[in-house]
Amino acid sequence: MNKFINALLFFIFLPTMALTIFVGFDLPLESLGTSGAELPYRDYAFLGLGLMIFLINLRRSVRRWMGLRIVNQVHKFKWNEPVSKERKQRVQVYTLLEVFVFISISYSCYHLTPEAWPPVLAFLLAACDGLFFTVIGSFRNRFRVGITAKAIVSGDRDVALVYFSGLRKISIHQDTIYFDYIKNLQLSIPLDCISIADRNTFFKALENQLDTNRVFITQQR
């Protein structure tokens, strides 16, 4: 999900930056018979781009916070533990890198032209949300992974929900746990979500929720 959202944001960022440069440097647009600073409806264009950026980040934010809320209802899980130290550090690095990029984009756009305030504001809100999410998740030990009677739930920077219905095989390959279903569907979660010390209890709890005669579970840990 995160890769898709970031790709979508990059796709929206390209025309946003192009418009900001044209307006900020007042570049000529001979095909339209005008220049960047005189471009008609530029305020509406900035507003539309800012709104799209805001909605994309809002969707990710809602998903992240809902995932964090669900996985921290520990009493509803058969097994529930914080993610590994390595996973937490990776989440911190990647999310703070996103925050830095969003702030840099905001500064660059506003420095070129204050008229770009809608996308600037949208990126700043996303940066604040990412920073707050990282602080809450890291220092209150809220990045967790758990097993219910029906699914595995992993909540940190990425939210993963792996249902047991239709599951046929669980395997590990290159630091990833793969879940193969009927009709060739495959889901996965990073192996480092689960600390090495918790892996045996994780797979034991998983076996307790599944029919091992119908679902193959790897013995690799």
N, C-alpha and C. Protein backbone atom coordinates (compact mmCIF):
# COMPACT_ATOMS: atom_id res chain seq x y z
N MET A 1 0.82 -1.21 0.00
CA MET A 1 0.00 0.00 0.00
C MET A 1 0.86 1.26 0.00
N ASN A 2 1.90 1.28 0.83
CA ASN A 2 2.76 2.46 0.91
C ASN A 2 3.43 2.76 -0.42
N LYS A 3 3.90 1.72 -1.10
CA LYS A 3 4.55 1.92 -2.39
C LYS A 3 3.58 2.53 -3.39
N PHE A 4 2.34 2.03 -3.39
CA PHE A 4 1.33 2.54 -4.31
C PHE A 4 1.01 4.01 -4.01
N ILE A 5 0.85 4.34 -2.72
CA ILE A 5 0.55 5.72 -2.34
C ILE A 5 1.69 6.65 -2.72
N ASN A 6 2.93 6.23 -2.46
CA ASN A 6 4.08 7.07 -2.80
C ASN A 6 4.21 7.25 -4.31
N ALA A 7 3.91 6.20 -5.06
CA ALA A 7 3.95 6.31 -6.53
C ALA A 7 2.88 7.29 -7.00
N LEU A 8 1.70 7.23 -6.38
CA LEU A 8 0.62 8.14 -6.73
C LEU A 8 0.97 9.58 -6.39
N LEU A 9 1.59 9.78 -5.23
CA LEU A 9 2.01 11.12 -4.84
C LEU A 9 3.08 11.67 -5.79
N PHE A 10 3.99 10.80 -6.21
CA PHE A 10 5.02 11.23 -7.16
C PHE A 10 4.39 11.63 -8.48
N PHE A 11 3.38 10.90 -8.91
CA PHE A 11 2.68 11.20 -10.16
C PHE A 11 2.00 12.56 -10.07
N ILE A 12 1.42 12.90 -8.92
CA ILE A 12 0.77 14.20 -8.72
C ILE A 12 1.81 15.29 -8.52
N PHE A 13 2.95 14.94 -7.91
CA PHE A 13 3.99 15.93 -7.64
C PHE A 13 4.58 16.50 -8.93
N LEU A 14 4.71 15.70 -9.97
CA LEU A 14 5.33 16.16 -11.22
C LEU A 14 4.60 17.36 -11.83
N PRO A 15 3.28 17.29 -12.06
CA PRO A 15 2.62 18.49 -12.58
C PRO A 15 2.57 19.64 -11.58
N THR A 16 2.56 19.31 -10.28
CA THR A 16 2.57 20.35 -9.26
C THR A 16 3.86 21.15 -9.33
N MET A 17 4.99 20.45 -9.42
CA MET A 17 6.28 21.13 -9.49
C MET A 17 6.44 21.87 -10.80
N ALA A 18 5.95 21.28 -11.89
CA ALA A 18 6.03 21.94 -13.19
C ALA A 18 5.26 23.26 -13.18
N LEU A 19 4.05 23.23 -12.65
CA LEU A 19 3.24 24.45 -12.57
C LEU A 19 3.90 25.48 -11.66
N THR A 20 4.46 25.02 -10.55
CA THR A 20 5.13 25.93 -9.61
C THR A 20 6.33 26.60 -10.27
N ILE A 21 7.10 25.87 -11.03
CA ILE A 21 8.26 26.44 -11.72
C ILE A 21 7.83 27.45 -12.78
N PHE A 22 6.81 27.11 -13.56
CA PHE A 22 6.32 28.03 -14.59
C PHE A 22 5.82 29.33 -13.99
N VAL A 23 5.06 29.21 -12.90
CA VAL A 23 4.53 30.41 -12.26
C VAL A 23 5.63 31.16 -11.53
N GLY A 24 6.47 30.46 -10.79
CA GLY A 24 7.50 31.10 -9.99
C GLY A 24 8.53 31.84 -10.82
N PHE A 25 8.92 31.26 -11.95
CA PHE A 25 9.92 31.91 -12.82
C PHE A 25 9.28 32.70 -13.95
N ASP A 26 7.96 32.73 -13.97
CA ASP A 26 7.22 33.46 -15.00
C ASP A 26 7.71 33.07 -16.40
N LEU A 27 7.78 31.78 -16.64
CA LEU A 27 8.26 31.30 -17.93
C LEU A 27 7.20 31.51 -19.00
N PRO A 28 7.63 31.80 -20.23
CA PRO A 28 6.66 32.03 -21.31
C PRO A 28 5.99 30.74 -21.75
N LEU A 29 4.72 30.84 -22.06
CA LEU A 29 3.95 29.73 -22.61
C LEU A 29 3.40 30.20 -23.97
N GLU A 30 4.27 30.08 -24.99
CA GLU A 30 3.95 30.64 -26.29
C GLU A 30 2.71 30.00 -26.91
N SER A 31 2.51 28.70 -26.63
CA SER A 31 1.35 28.02 -27.22
C SER A 31 0.04 28.57 -26.69
N LEU A 32 0.08 29.15 -25.47
CA LEU A 32 -1.12 29.73 -24.87
C LEU A 32 -1.13 31.25 -24.95
N GLY A 33 -0.03 31.81 -25.46
CA GLY A 33 0.06 33.25 -25.59
C GLY A 33 0.11 33.98 -24.27
N THR A 34 0.73 33.37 -23.27
CA THR A 34 0.81 33.98 -21.95
C THR A 34 2.10 33.53 -21.27
N SER A 35 2.24 33.84 -20.01
CA SER A 35 3.40 33.42 -19.23
C SER A 35 2.92 32.79 -17.92
N GLY A 36 3.85 32.21 -17.18
CA GLY A 36 3.47 31.51 -15.96
C GLY A 36 2.76 32.39 -14.95
N ALA A 37 3.26 33.63 -14.76
CA ALA A 37 2.68 34.53 -13.77
C ALA A 37 1.31 35.05 -14.19
N GLU A 38 1.00 34.98 -15.49
CA GLU A 38 -0.29 35.45 -16.00
C GLU A 38 -1.21 34.30 -16.40
N LEU A 39 -0.81 33.08 -16.08
CA LEU A 39 -1.57 31.91 -16.49
C LEU A 39 -2.97 31.94 -15.87
N PRO A 40 -4.00 31.87 -16.70
CA PRO A 40 -5.36 31.91 -16.13
C PRO A 40 -5.69 30.62 -15.36
N TYR A 41 -6.49 30.76 -14.33
CA TYR A 41 -6.96 29.63 -13.52
C TYR A 41 -5.83 28.90 -12.79
N ARG A 42 -4.67 29.54 -12.65
CA ARG A 42 -3.56 28.87 -11.96
C ARG A 42 -3.89 28.62 -10.49
N ASP A 43 -4.67 29.55 -9.89
CA ASP A 43 -5.06 29.36 -8.49
C ASP A 43 -5.96 28.14 -8.32
N TYR A 44 -6.84 27.89 -9.29
CA TYR A 44 -7.70 26.70 -9.25
C TYR A 44 -6.88 25.43 -9.48
N ALA A 45 -5.86 25.54 -10.35
CA ALA A 45 -5.00 24.38 -10.61
C ALA A 45 -4.23 24.00 -9.35
N PHE A 46 -3.67 25.01 -8.66
CA PHE A 46 -2.96 24.74 -7.41
C PHE A 46 -3.91 24.16 -6.36
N LEU A 47 -5.11 24.69 -6.31
CA LEU A 47 -6.09 24.21 -5.33
C LEU A 47 -6.47 22.76 -5.62
N GLY A 48 -6.67 22.43 -6.89
CA GLY A 48 -7.03 21.07 -7.26
C GLY A 48 -5.91 20.08 -6.96
N LEU A 49 -4.68 20.47 -7.28
CA LEU A 49 -3.53 19.60 -7.00
C LEU A 49 -3.35 19.42 -5.50
N GLY A 50 -3.50 20.50 -4.74
CA GLY A 50 -3.39 20.41 -3.29
C GLY A 50 -4.44 19.51 -2.69
N LEU A 51 -5.66 19.60 -3.23
CA LEU A 51 -6.75 18.76 -2.73
C LEU A 51 -6.48 17.28 -3.01
N MET A 52 -5.96 16.97 -4.20
CA MET A 52 -5.62 15.58 -4.53
C MET A 52 -4.53 15.05 -3.61
N ILE A 53 -3.51 15.86 -3.37
CA ILE A 53 -2.42 15.43 -2.48
C ILE A 53 -2.96 15.20 -1.07
N PHE A 54 -3.82 16.10 -0.61
CA PHE A 54 -4.41 15.96 0.72
C PHE A 54 -5.23 14.68 0.84
N LEU A 55 -6.06 14.39 -0.15
CA LEU A 55 -6.93 13.21 -0.09
C LEU A 55 -6.13 11.92 -0.14
N ILE A 56 -5.06 11.90 -0.94
CA ILE A 56 -4.21 10.70 -1.02
C ILE A 56 -3.56 10.44 0.33
N ASN A 57 -3.01 11.50 0.93
CA ASN A 57 -2.37 11.33 2.23
C ASN A 57 -3.38 11.04 3.33
N LEU A 58 -4.58 11.60 3.19
CA LEU A 58 -5.63 11.32 4.17
C LEU A 58 -6.00 9.84 4.17
N ARG A 59 -6.09 9.26 2.99
CA ARG A 59 -6.43 7.84 2.89
C ARG A 59 -5.37 6.98 3.59
N ARG A 60 -4.09 7.31 3.36
CA ARG A 60 -3.02 6.56 4.02
C ARG A 60 -3.06 6.77 5.53
N SER A 61 -3.28 8.01 5.94
CA SER A 61 -3.29 8.32 7.37
C SER A 61 -4.40 7.57 8.09
N VAL A 62 -5.61 7.58 7.53
CA VAL A 62 -6.74 6.87 8.14
C VAL A 62 -6.44 5.38 8.25
N ARG A 63 -5.88 4.81 7.20
CA ARG A 63 -5.55 3.38 7.21
C ARG A 63 -4.51 3.07 8.28
N ARG A 64 -3.48 3.90 8.38
CA ARG A 64 -2.43 3.68 9.38
C ARG A 64 -2.98 3.75 10.80
N TRP A 65 -3.73 4.82 11.10
CA TRP A 65 -4.23 5.01 12.47
C TRP A 65 -5.27 3.96 12.84
N MET A 66 -6.09 3.55 11.88
CA MET A 66 -7.07 2.49 12.16
C MET A 66 -6.36 1.17 12.41
N GLY A 67 -5.32 0.88 11.61
CA GLY A 67 -4.55 -0.34 11.82
C GLY A 67 -3.88 -0.35 13.19
N LEU A 68 -3.34 0.80 13.58
CA LEU A 68 -2.68 0.91 14.88
C LEU A 68 -3.69 0.72 16.01
N ARG A 69 -4.87 1.28 15.84
CA ARG A 69 -5.91 1.15 16.87
C ARG A 69 -6.35 -0.31 17.01
N ILE A 70 -6.56 -0.98 15.88
CA ILE A 70 -7.04 -2.36 15.92
C ILE A 70 -6.01 -3.29 16.57
N VAL A 71 -4.74 -3.17 16.15
CA VAL A 71 -3.73 -4.10 16.63
C VAL A 71 -3.37 -3.85 18.09
N ASN A 72 -3.75 -2.68 18.63
CA ASN A 72 -3.47 -2.41 20.03
C ASN A 72 -4.63 -2.79 20.96
N GLN A 73 -5.69 -3.37 20.41
CA GLN A 73 -6.76 -3.94 21.25
C GLN A 73 -6.34 -5.37 21.62
N VAL A 74 -5.31 -5.44 22.44
CA VAL A 74 -4.60 -6.69 22.73
C VAL A 74 -5.53 -7.79 23.25
N HIS A 75 -6.53 -7.42 24.01
CA HIS A 75 -7.43 -8.42 24.61
C HIS A 75 -8.23 -9.19 23.56
N LYS A 76 -8.30 -8.69 22.34
CA LYS A 76 -9.06 -9.37 21.29
C LYS A 76 -8.22 -10.37 20.50
N PHE A 77 -6.94 -10.48 20.85
CA PHE A 77 -6.03 -11.33 20.10
C PHE A 77 -5.66 -12.59 20.88
N LYS A 78 -5.40 -13.65 20.13
CA LYS A 78 -4.89 -14.89 20.73
C LYS A 78 -3.40 -14.75 21.04
N TRP A 79 -2.73 -13.96 20.20
CA TRP A 79 -1.30 -13.69 20.37
C TRP A 79 -1.04 -12.28 19.87
N ASN A 80 -0.29 -11.50 20.63
CA ASN A 80 -0.04 -10.11 20.23
C ASN A 80 1.25 -9.63 20.88
N GLU A 81 2.18 -9.16 20.06
CA GLU A 81 3.47 -8.70 20.56
C GLU A 81 3.93 -7.48 19.75
N PRO A 82 4.79 -6.64 20.34
CA PRO A 82 5.38 -5.53 19.57
C PRO A 82 6.24 -6.07 18.42
N VAL A 83 6.36 -5.28 17.36
CA VAL A 83 7.22 -5.69 16.25
C VAL A 83 8.67 -5.72 16.73
N SER A 84 9.52 -6.35 15.97
CA SER A 84 10.92 -6.47 16.37
C SER A 84 11.62 -5.11 16.38
N LYS A 85 12.72 -5.04 17.07
CA LYS A 85 13.50 -3.80 17.15
C LYS A 85 13.97 -3.37 15.77
N GLU A 86 14.39 -4.34 14.95
CA GLU A 86 14.85 -4.04 13.60
C GLU A 86 13.74 -3.45 12.75
N ARG A 87 12.53 -4.02 12.86
CA ARG A 87 11.39 -3.52 12.11
C ARG A 87 11.03 -2.10 12.56
N LYS A 88 11.04 -1.87 13.87
CA LYS A 88 10.72 -0.56 14.39
C LYS A 88 11.70 0.49 13.87
N GLN A 89 12.98 0.16 13.86
CA GLN A 89 13.99 1.09 13.36
C GLN A 89 13.79 1.38 11.87
N ARG A 90 13.42 0.36 11.11
CA ARG A 90 13.18 0.55 9.68
C ARG A 90 11.97 1.46 9.46
N VAL A 91 10.92 1.23 10.24
CA VAL A 91 9.73 2.08 10.14
C VAL A 91 10.09 3.52 10.46
N GLN A 92 10.88 3.73 11.50
CA GLN A 92 11.28 5.08 11.88
C GLN A 92 12.07 5.76 10.77
N VAL A 93 13.04 5.06 10.21
CA VAL A 93 13.89 5.64 9.17
C VAL A 93 13.07 6.00 7.93
N TYR A 94 12.26 5.06 7.46
CA TYR A 94 11.49 5.30 6.24
C TYR A 94 10.45 6.40 6.42
N THR A 95 9.77 6.40 7.56
CA THR A 95 8.74 7.41 7.77
C THR A 95 9.34 8.79 7.97
N LEU A 96 10.44 8.88 8.70
CA LEU A 96 11.10 10.18 8.89
C LEU A 96 11.70 10.68 7.58
N LEU A 97 12.13 9.76 6.73
CA LEU A 97 12.61 10.15 5.41
C LEU A 97 11.47 10.75 4.59
N GLU A 98 10.29 10.14 4.67
CA GLU A 98 9.11 10.70 4.01
C GLU A 98 8.81 12.10 4.53
N VAL A 99 8.89 12.27 5.85
CA VAL A 99 8.64 13.58 6.46
C VAL A 99 9.62 14.62 5.92
N PHE A 100 10.90 14.26 5.85
CA PHE A 100 11.92 15.17 5.33
C PHE A 100 11.63 15.55 3.88
N VAL A 101 11.25 14.57 3.07
CA VAL A 101 10.94 14.83 1.66
C VAL A 101 9.74 15.76 1.54
N PHE A 102 8.69 15.52 2.32
CA PHE A 102 7.49 16.37 2.27
C PHE A 102 7.81 17.81 2.67
N ILE A 103 8.62 17.97 3.72
CA ILE A 103 8.99 19.32 4.16
C ILE A 103 9.85 20.01 3.10
N SER A 104 10.76 19.27 2.48
CA SER A 104 11.62 19.84 1.43
C SER A 104 10.80 20.29 0.24
N ILE A 105 9.83 19.47 -0.15
CA ILE A 105 8.94 19.83 -1.27
C ILE A 105 8.15 21.08 -0.92
N SER A 106 7.62 21.14 0.29
CA SER A 106 6.84 22.30 0.71
C SER A 106 7.67 23.57 0.67
N TYR A 107 8.88 23.49 1.21
CA TYR A 107 9.76 24.66 1.22
C TYR A 107 10.09 25.11 -0.20
N SER A 108 10.42 24.15 -1.06
CA SER A 108 10.81 24.47 -2.44
C SER A 108 9.66 25.14 -3.19
N CYS A 109 8.47 24.58 -3.07
CA CYS A 109 7.32 25.13 -3.78
C CYS A 109 6.97 26.52 -3.29
N TYR A 110 6.95 26.71 -1.97
CA TYR A 110 6.59 28.02 -1.43
C TYR A 110 7.66 29.06 -1.73
N HIS A 111 8.92 28.62 -1.76
CA HIS A 111 10.02 29.53 -2.09
C HIS A 111 9.91 30.01 -3.54
N LEU A 112 9.44 29.15 -4.43
CA LEU A 112 9.28 29.53 -5.83
C LEU A 112 8.11 30.48 -6.01
N THR A 113 6.98 30.17 -5.38
CA THR A 113 5.82 31.06 -5.45
C THR A 113 4.86 30.77 -4.30
N PRO A 114 4.50 31.79 -3.54
CA PRO A 114 3.51 31.60 -2.47
C PRO A 114 2.15 31.16 -2.99
N GLU A 115 1.91 31.33 -4.29
CA GLU A 115 0.63 30.91 -4.86
C GLU A 115 0.44 29.40 -4.79
N ALA A 116 1.53 28.68 -4.55
CA ALA A 116 1.44 27.21 -4.46
C ALA A 116 1.08 26.76 -3.06
N TRP A 117 0.44 27.63 -2.27
CA TRP A 117 0.17 27.29 -0.87
C TRP A 117 -0.71 26.05 -0.68
N PRO A 118 -1.68 25.73 -1.58
CA PRO A 118 -2.49 24.53 -1.32
C PRO A 118 -1.67 23.23 -1.30
N PRO A 119 -0.84 22.94 -2.34
CA PRO A 119 -0.01 21.73 -2.23
C PRO A 119 1.02 21.82 -1.11
N VAL A 120 1.52 23.03 -0.83
CA VAL A 120 2.47 23.21 0.28
C VAL A 120 1.81 22.80 1.59
N LEU A 121 0.60 23.28 1.82
CA LEU A 121 -0.13 22.95 3.04
C LEU A 121 -0.43 21.46 3.12
N ALA A 122 -0.80 20.85 1.98
CA ALA A 122 -1.11 19.42 1.97
C ALA A 122 0.11 18.58 2.34
N PHE A 123 1.26 18.94 1.79
CA PHE A 123 2.49 18.19 2.11
C PHE A 123 2.92 18.43 3.56
N LEU A 124 2.74 19.64 4.07
CA LEU A 124 3.10 19.91 5.47
C LEU A 124 2.20 19.14 6.43
N LEU A 125 0.92 19.04 6.12
CA LEU A 125 0.01 18.25 6.96
C LEU A 125 0.42 16.79 6.96
N ALA A 126 0.81 16.28 5.79
CA ALA A 126 1.27 14.89 5.69
C ALA A 126 2.54 14.68 6.50
N ALA A 127 3.44 15.67 6.48
CA ALA A 127 4.69 15.58 7.25
C ALA A 127 4.40 15.55 8.75
N CYS A 128 3.50 16.43 9.19
CA CYS A 128 3.15 16.47 10.62
C CYS A 128 2.50 15.17 11.06
N ASP A 129 1.61 14.65 10.23
CA ASP A 129 0.95 13.39 10.55
C ASP A 129 1.95 12.25 10.64
N GLY A 130 2.89 12.18 9.67
CA GLY A 130 3.90 11.13 9.69
C GLY A 130 4.80 11.21 10.90
N LEU A 131 5.17 12.43 11.28
CA LEU A 131 6.04 12.62 12.46
C LEU A 131 5.30 12.21 13.73
N PHE A 132 4.06 12.64 13.87
CA PHE A 132 3.26 12.31 15.05
C PHE A 132 3.03 10.80 15.13
N PHE A 133 2.73 10.18 14.00
CA PHE A 133 2.50 8.74 13.95
C PHE A 133 3.74 7.97 14.39
N THR A 134 4.91 8.41 13.92
CA THR A 134 6.17 7.73 14.27
C THR A 134 6.47 7.85 15.76
N VAL A 135 6.25 9.05 16.31
CA VAL A 135 6.52 9.27 17.74
C VAL A 135 5.59 8.42 18.59
N ILE A 136 4.30 8.45 18.30
CA ILE A 136 3.32 7.68 19.08
C ILE A 136 3.60 6.18 18.98
N GLY A 137 3.84 5.70 17.76
CA GLY A 137 4.06 4.28 17.55
C GLY A 137 5.35 3.77 18.16
N SER A 138 6.39 4.60 18.13
CA SER A 138 7.70 4.16 18.60
C SER A 138 7.83 4.20 20.11
N PHE A 139 7.47 5.32 20.68
CA PHE A 139 7.75 5.52 22.10
C PHE A 139 6.64 5.01 23.02
N ARG A 140 5.53 4.60 22.45
CA ARG A 140 4.49 3.97 23.27
C ARG A 140 4.32 2.50 22.91
N ASN A 141 5.27 2.01 22.13
CA ASN A 141 5.31 0.57 21.79
C ASN A 141 4.02 0.10 21.12
N ARG A 142 3.52 0.91 20.19
CA ARG A 142 2.23 0.61 19.57
C ARG A 142 2.36 -0.10 18.22
N PHE A 143 3.55 -0.18 17.67
CA PHE A 143 3.73 -0.95 16.45
C PHE A 143 3.73 -2.43 16.83
N ARG A 144 2.69 -3.16 16.42
CA ARG A 144 2.52 -4.52 16.90
C ARG A 144 2.05 -5.45 15.78
N VAL A 145 2.12 -6.74 16.06
CA VAL A 145 1.57 -7.76 15.17
C VAL A 145 0.81 -8.76 16.04
N GLY A 146 -0.35 -9.19 15.56
CA GLY A 146 -1.16 -10.08 16.38
C GLY A 146 -1.91 -11.11 15.57
N ILE A 147 -2.41 -12.13 16.27
CA ILE A 147 -3.17 -13.22 15.64
C ILE A 147 -4.53 -13.31 16.34
N THR A 148 -5.59 -13.24 15.53
CA THR A 148 -6.94 -13.47 16.04
C THR A 148 -7.39 -14.86 15.58
N ALA A 149 -8.63 -15.19 15.85
CA ALA A 149 -9.15 -16.48 15.41
C ALA A 149 -9.34 -16.54 13.89
N LYS A 150 -9.34 -15.37 13.24
CA LYS A 150 -9.63 -15.33 11.81
C LYS A 150 -8.54 -14.75 10.95
N ALA A 151 -7.55 -14.07 11.55
CA ALA A 151 -6.58 -13.36 10.71
C ALA A 151 -5.32 -12.99 11.48
N ILE A 152 -4.30 -12.62 10.72
CA ILE A 152 -3.09 -11.99 11.25
C ILE A 152 -3.20 -10.50 10.95
N VAL A 153 -2.92 -9.67 11.95
CA VAL A 153 -2.97 -8.22 11.77
C VAL A 153 -1.61 -7.64 12.13
N SER A 154 -1.04 -6.88 11.21
CA SER A 154 0.23 -6.21 11.46
C SER A 154 0.02 -4.73 11.27
N GLY A 155 0.38 -3.95 12.29
CA GLY A 155 0.15 -2.51 12.21
C GLY A 155 1.38 -1.71 12.57
N ASP A 156 1.99 -1.09 11.55
CA ASP A 156 3.06 -0.12 11.76
C ASP A 156 2.99 0.87 10.60
N ARG A 157 4.08 1.10 9.91
CA ARG A 157 4.05 1.99 8.75
C ARG A 157 3.15 1.43 7.65
N ASP A 158 3.18 0.11 7.51
CA ASP A 158 2.28 -0.61 6.61
C ASP A 158 1.27 -1.38 7.45
N VAL A 159 0.07 -1.46 6.96
CA VAL A 159 -0.97 -2.24 7.63
C VAL A 159 -1.24 -3.49 6.81
N ALA A 160 -1.09 -4.66 7.43
CA ALA A 160 -1.32 -5.92 6.73
C ALA A 160 -2.41 -6.70 7.45
N LEU A 161 -3.33 -7.25 6.67
CA LEU A 161 -4.41 -8.07 7.20
C LEU A 161 -4.45 -9.36 6.38
N VAL A 162 -4.13 -10.49 7.03
CA VAL A 162 -4.05 -11.78 6.35
C VAL A 162 -5.10 -12.71 6.94
N TYR A 163 -6.16 -12.97 6.17
CA TYR A 163 -7.24 -13.84 6.66
C TYR A 163 -6.86 -15.31 6.49
N PHE A 164 -7.45 -16.15 7.34
CA PHE A 164 -7.18 -17.60 7.28
C PHE A 164 -8.10 -18.33 6.32
N SER A 165 -9.22 -17.72 5.97
CA SER A 165 -10.18 -18.37 5.08
C SER A 165 -9.56 -18.58 3.69
N GLY A 166 -9.57 -19.84 3.23
CA GLY A 166 -9.02 -20.16 1.92
C GLY A 166 -7.51 -20.36 1.90
N LEU A 167 -6.87 -20.24 3.06
CA LEU A 167 -5.41 -20.38 3.13
C LEU A 167 -5.00 -21.83 2.93
N ARG A 168 -3.93 -22.03 2.15
CA ARG A 168 -3.47 -23.39 1.86
C ARG A 168 -2.00 -23.62 2.21
N LYS A 169 -1.19 -22.55 2.25
CA LYS A 169 0.24 -22.75 2.48
C LYS A 169 0.86 -21.51 3.10
N ILE A 170 1.76 -21.73 4.07
CA ILE A 170 2.53 -20.65 4.69
C ILE A 170 4.01 -20.99 4.54
N SER A 171 4.75 -20.12 3.90
CA SER A 171 6.17 -20.39 3.66
C SER A 171 6.99 -19.13 3.90
N ILE A 172 8.30 -19.33 4.04
CA ILE A 172 9.22 -18.21 4.26
C ILE A 172 10.26 -18.21 3.15
N HIS A 173 10.45 -17.05 2.56
CA HIS A 173 11.47 -16.92 1.52
C HIS A 173 12.01 -15.49 1.54
N GLN A 174 13.34 -15.37 1.67
CA GLN A 174 14.02 -14.07 1.64
C GLN A 174 13.38 -13.05 2.59
N ASP A 175 13.31 -13.42 3.86
CA ASP A 175 12.83 -12.53 4.93
C ASP A 175 11.39 -12.07 4.76
N THR A 176 10.59 -12.89 4.09
CA THR A 176 9.17 -12.59 3.91
C THR A 176 8.36 -13.85 4.18
N ILE A 177 7.24 -13.69 4.89
CA ILE A 177 6.31 -14.80 5.10
C ILE A 177 5.23 -14.71 4.03
N TYR A 178 5.10 -15.78 3.26
CA TYR A 178 4.12 -15.81 2.17
C TYR A 178 2.92 -16.67 2.57
N PHE A 179 1.74 -16.21 2.18
CA PHE A 179 0.50 -16.92 2.46
C PHE A 179 -0.19 -17.19 1.12
N ASP A 180 -0.23 -18.46 0.75
CA ASP A 180 -0.82 -18.86 -0.53
C ASP A 180 -2.24 -19.37 -0.32
N TYR A 181 -3.15 -18.88 -1.16
CA TYR A 181 -4.56 -19.22 -1.06
C TYR A 181 -5.03 -19.98 -2.30
N ILE A 182 -6.25 -20.42 -2.23
CA ILE A 182 -6.87 -21.01 -3.40
C ILE A 182 -7.01 -19.92 -4.47
N LYS A 183 -7.15 -20.33 -5.72
CA LYS A 183 -7.27 -19.41 -6.86
C LYS A 183 -6.01 -18.57 -7.05
N ASN A 184 -4.84 -19.09 -6.61
CA ASN A 184 -3.53 -18.47 -6.86
C ASN A 184 -3.35 -17.09 -6.22
N LEU A 185 -4.11 -16.79 -5.19
CA LEU A 185 -3.92 -15.54 -4.46
C LEU A 185 -2.75 -15.71 -3.48
N GLN A 186 -1.91 -14.68 -3.37
CA GLN A 186 -0.79 -14.73 -2.44
C GLN A 186 -0.66 -13.40 -1.71
N LEU A 187 -0.57 -13.46 -0.37
CA LEU A 187 -0.32 -12.29 0.46
C LEU A 187 0.99 -12.49 1.20
N SER A 188 1.51 -11.43 1.80
CA SER A 188 2.79 -11.56 2.51
C SER A 188 2.91 -10.51 3.60
N ILE A 189 3.77 -10.79 4.58
CA ILE A 189 4.17 -9.81 5.58
C ILE A 189 5.68 -9.98 5.79
N PRO A 190 6.39 -8.92 6.15
CA PRO A 190 7.83 -9.04 6.41
C PRO A 190 8.10 -9.94 7.61
N LEU A 191 9.08 -10.81 7.49
CA LEU A 191 9.43 -11.70 8.59
C LEU A 191 9.93 -10.91 9.79
N ASP A 192 10.59 -9.77 9.55
CA ASP A 192 11.15 -9.01 10.66
C ASP A 192 10.09 -8.25 11.46
N CYS A 193 8.81 -8.38 11.08
CA CYS A 193 7.74 -7.87 11.96
C CYS A 193 7.77 -8.60 13.30
N ILE A 194 8.22 -9.85 13.25
CA ILE A 194 8.23 -10.69 14.45
C ILE A 194 9.67 -10.87 14.91
N SER A 195 9.94 -10.54 16.14
CA SER A 195 11.29 -10.69 16.66
C SER A 195 11.68 -12.16 16.70
N ILE A 196 12.96 -12.44 16.62
CA ILE A 196 13.45 -13.82 16.62
C ILE A 196 13.00 -14.56 17.88
N ALA A 197 13.00 -13.86 19.00
CA ALA A 197 12.60 -14.49 20.27
C ALA A 197 11.12 -14.87 20.29
N ASP A 198 10.29 -14.21 19.46
CA ASP A 198 8.85 -14.46 19.46
C ASP A 198 8.39 -15.37 18.33
N ARG A 199 9.30 -15.78 17.46
CA ARG A 199 8.85 -16.49 16.25
C ARG A 199 8.26 -17.86 16.55
N ASN A 200 8.86 -18.59 17.48
CA ASN A 200 8.31 -19.91 17.80
C ASN A 200 6.90 -19.80 18.38
N THR A 201 6.70 -18.84 19.28
CA THR A 201 5.37 -18.68 19.87
C THR A 201 4.37 -18.15 18.82
N PHE A 202 4.86 -17.33 17.88
CA PHE A 202 3.99 -16.83 16.80
C PHE A 202 3.47 -18.00 15.95
N PHE A 203 4.39 -18.86 15.51
CA PHE A 203 3.97 -19.97 14.66
C PHE A 203 3.16 -21.00 15.43
N LYS A 204 3.44 -21.15 16.73
CA LYS A 204 2.64 -22.04 17.55
C LYS A 204 1.21 -21.52 17.66
N ALA A 205 1.06 -20.23 17.89
CA ALA A 205 -0.26 -19.62 17.97
C ALA A 205 -0.98 -19.71 16.62
N LEU A 206 -0.20 -19.60 15.55
CA LEU A 206 -0.77 -19.72 14.21
C LEU A 206 -1.29 -21.14 13.96
N GLU A 207 -0.50 -22.12 14.35
CA GLU A 207 -0.92 -23.52 14.19
C GLU A 207 -2.20 -23.82 14.98
N ASN A 208 -2.34 -23.17 16.14
CA ASN A 208 -3.53 -23.40 16.97
C ASN A 208 -4.81 -22.88 16.34
N GLN A 209 -4.67 -21.93 15.40
CA GLN A 209 -5.84 -21.34 14.76
C GLN A 209 -6.16 -21.99 13.41
N LEU A 210 -5.29 -22.87 12.95
CA LEU A 210 -5.45 -23.46 11.62
C LEU A 210 -5.58 -24.97 11.68
N ASP A 211 -6.18 -25.53 10.66
CA ASP A 211 -6.24 -26.98 10.49
C ASP A 211 -4.97 -27.39 9.73
N THR A 212 -4.00 -27.92 10.46
CA THR A 212 -2.71 -28.25 9.84
C THR A 212 -2.81 -29.41 8.86
N ASN A 213 -3.93 -30.10 8.83
CA ASN A 213 -4.12 -31.13 7.81
C ASN A 213 -4.49 -30.53 6.46
N ARG A 214 -4.96 -29.28 6.48
CA ARG A 214 -5.36 -28.62 5.24
C ARG A 214 -4.42 -27.49 4.86
N VAL A 215 -3.69 -26.97 5.84
CA VAL A 215 -2.79 -25.85 5.58
C VAL A 215 -1.35 -26.27 5.89
N PHE A 216 -0.48 -26.16 4.89
CA PHE A 216 0.93 -26.47 5.11
C PHE A 216 1.60 -25.27 5.77
N ILE A 217 2.30 -25.53 6.89
CA ILE A 217 3.03 -24.47 7.59
C ILE A 217 4.49 -24.85 7.63
N THR A 218 5.32 -23.99 7.10
CA THR A 218 6.75 -24.26 7.06
C THR A 218 7.32 -24.44 8.45
N GLN A 219 8.35 -25.28 8.55
CA GLN A 219 9.06 -25.45 9.83
C GLN A 219 10.25 -24.51 9.93
N GLN A 220 10.48 -23.76 8.88
CA GLN A 220 11.57 -22.77 8.90
C GLN A 220 11.20 -21.63 9.81
N ARG A 221 12.15 -21.19 10.60
CA ARG A 221 11.91 -20.07 11.51
C ARG A 221 12.98 -19.01 11.32
